[in-house]
Amino acid sequence: MAIRVNPLPADDFFSERSKLGSTPHEAYALLERAAASPHLDLAGLHAHQLCRCTYVEQFAALAERMGDLAAAFATAHGTR
């Protein structure tokens, strides 16, 4: 399974009520639960950039925050 994350703050593309994924804090808790389950195989993280988004800076911020979340989880749990 993969955890879908909405790592960006609310703006023109993402709202606080977005259905595009969990907040980073919620996603971290879901990662912990999935990793602890003997019935789930945690495959990774997913984020939706939206097909109409053309801002390179926003894509870079999304990628950086997803990487930060993955690194924090990997460091805390000794996994990739």
C-alpha atoms as a PDB file:
ATOM      1  CA  MET A   1       0.000   0.000   0.000  1.00  0.00           C
ATOM      2  CA  ALA A   2       0.987   3.616  -0.428  1.00  0.00           C
ATOM      3  CA  ILE A   3       0.004   6.563   1.742  1.00  0.00           C
ATOM      4  CA  ARG A   4      -1.399   9.555  -0.143  1.00  0.00           C
ATOM      5  CA  VAL A   5      -0.119  12.859   1.232  1.00  0.00           C
ATOM      6  CA  ASN A   6      -1.083  16.477   0.627  1.00  0.00           C
ATOM      7  CA  PRO A   7       2.198  18.059   1.798  1.00  0.00           C
ATOM      8  CA  LEU A   8       1.582  21.601   0.619  1.00  0.00           C
ATOM      9  CA  PRO A   9      -0.067  24.404   2.577  1.00  0.00           C
ATOM     10  CA  ALA A  10      -3.415  25.718   1.413  1.00  0.00           C
ATOM     11  CA  ASP A  11      -3.153  27.925  -1.690  1.00  0.00           C
ATOM     12  CA  ASP A  12      -4.801  28.310  -5.106  1.00  0.00           C
ATOM     13  CA  PHE A  13      -4.360  24.600  -5.869  1.00  0.00           C
ATOM     14  CA  PHE A  14      -4.704  22.919  -2.485  1.00  0.00           C
ATOM     15  CA  SER A  15      -7.205  23.788   0.213  1.00  0.00           C
ATOM     16  CA  GLU A  16      -7.219  22.818   3.871  1.00  0.00           C
ATOM     17  CA  ARG A  17     -10.207  20.598   3.061  1.00  0.00           C
ATOM     18  CA  SER A  18      -8.497  18.945   0.106  1.00  0.00           C
ATOM     19  CA  LYS A  19      -9.328  15.358  -0.705  1.00  0.00           C
ATOM     20  CA  LEU A  20      -5.898  14.951  -2.258  1.00  0.00           C
ATOM     21  CA  GLY A  21      -4.361  13.247   0.757  1.00  0.00           C
ATOM     22  CA  SER A  22      -3.521  13.311   4.418  1.00  0.00           C
ATOM     23  CA  THR A  23      -1.602  16.098   6.071  1.00  0.00           C
ATOM     24  CA  PRO A  24       2.066  15.240   6.691  1.00  0.00           C
ATOM     25  CA  HIS A  25       1.304  14.699  10.390  1.00  0.00           C
ATOM     26  CA  GLU A  26      -1.615  12.370   9.614  1.00  0.00           C
ATOM     27  CA  ALA A  27       0.440  10.590   6.952  1.00  0.00           C
ATOM     28  CA  TYR A  28       3.247   9.924   9.420  1.00  0.00           C
ATOM     29  CA  ALA A  29       0.774   8.294  11.817  1.00  0.00           C
ATOM     30  CA  LEU A  30      -0.615   6.190   8.945  1.00  0.00           C
ATOM     31  CA  LEU A  31       2.923   5.163   7.965  1.00  0.00           C
ATOM     32  CA  GLU A  32       3.555   3.979  11.506  1.00  0.00           C
ATOM     33  CA  ARG A  33       0.322   1.977  11.599  1.00  0.00           C
ATOM     34  CA  ALA A  34       0.965   0.409   8.191  1.00  0.00           C
ATOM     35  CA  ALA A  35       4.562  -0.480   9.050  1.00  0.00           C
ATOM     36  CA  ALA A  36       3.441  -2.121  12.302  1.00  0.00           C
ATOM     37  CA  SER A  37       0.808  -4.278  10.607  1.00  0.00           C
ATOM     38  CA  PRO A  38       1.768  -7.840   9.689  1.00  0.00           C
ATOM     39  CA  HIS A  39      -0.962  -7.750   7.024  1.00  0.00           C
ATOM     40  CA  LEU A  40       0.225  -4.737   5.046  1.00  0.00           C
ATOM     41  CA  ASP A  41       3.206  -4.199   2.775  1.00  0.00           C
ATOM     42  CA  LEU A  42       4.113  -0.529   2.864  1.00  0.00           C
ATOM     43  CA  ALA A  43       5.270   0.421  -0.631  1.00  0.00           C
ATOM     44  CA  GLY A  44       5.661   4.174  -0.350  1.00  0.00           C
ATOM     45  CA  LEU A  45       4.178   7.631  -0.489  1.00  0.00           C
ATOM     46  CA  HIS A  46       2.055   9.308  -3.141  1.00  0.00           C
ATOM     47  CA  ALA A  47       1.149  12.932  -3.783  1.00  0.00           C
ATOM     48  CA  HIS A  48      -1.082  14.453  -6.434  1.00  0.00           C
ATOM     49  CA  GLN A  49       0.357  17.533  -8.151  1.00  0.00           C
ATOM     50  CA  LEU A  50      -2.782  18.321 -10.178  1.00  0.00           C
ATOM     51  CA  CYS A  51      -2.625  18.285 -13.953  1.00  0.00           C
ATOM     52  CA  ARG A  52      -3.230  22.029 -14.267  1.00  0.00           C
ATOM     53  CA  CYS A  53      -0.323  23.019 -12.023  1.00  0.00           C
ATOM     54  CA  THR A  54       2.487  24.585 -14.027  1.00  0.00           C
ATOM     55  CA  TYR A  55       4.547  26.115 -11.229  1.00  0.00           C
ATOM     56  CA  VAL A  56       7.968  24.488 -11.034  1.00  0.00           C
ATOM     57  CA  GLU A  57       8.489  26.001  -7.577  1.00  0.00           C
ATOM     58  CA  GLN A  58       5.350  24.295  -6.269  1.00  0.00           C
ATOM     59  CA  PHE A  59       6.435  20.941  -7.690  1.00  0.00           C
ATOM     60  CA  ALA A  60       9.865  21.383  -6.078  1.00  0.00           C
ATOM     61  CA  ALA A  61       8.240  22.188  -2.711  1.00  0.00           C
ATOM     62  CA  LEU A  62       6.002  19.130  -2.984  1.00  0.00           C
ATOM     63  CA  ALA A  63       8.950  16.871  -3.824  1.00  0.00           C
ATOM     64  CA  GLU A  64      11.056  18.326  -1.007  1.00  0.00           C
ATOM     65  CA  ARG A  65       8.322  17.865   1.606  1.00  0.00           C
ATOM     66  CA  MET A  66       7.611  14.308   0.454  1.00  0.00           C
ATOM     67  CA  GLY A  67      11.328  13.555   0.695  1.00  0.00           C
ATOM     68  CA  ASP A  68      11.486  15.078   4.168  1.00  0.00           C
ATOM     69  CA  LEU A  69       8.540  12.938   5.308  1.00  0.00           C
ATOM     70  CA  ALA A  70      10.074   9.767   3.858  1.00  0.00           C
ATOM     71  CA  ALA A  71      13.475  10.527   5.387  1.00  0.00           C
ATOM     72  CA  ALA A  72      11.992  11.279   8.821  1.00  0.00           C
ATOM     73  CA  PHE A  73      10.073   8.007   8.803  1.00  0.00           C
ATOM     74  CA  ALA A  74      13.033   6.000   7.518  1.00  0.00           C
ATOM     75  CA  THR A  75      15.340   7.502  10.133  1.00  0.00           C
ATOM     76  CA  ALA A  76      12.921   6.855  12.996  1.00  0.00           C
ATOM     77  CA  HIS A  77      12.088   3.309  11.894  1.00  0.00           C
ATOM     78  CA  GLY A  78      15.305   2.138  10.275  1.00  0.00           C
ATOM     79  CA  THR A  79      13.603   1.428   6.961  1.00  0.00           C
ATOM     80  CA  ARG A  80      13.381   2.827   3.426  1.00  0.00           C
END
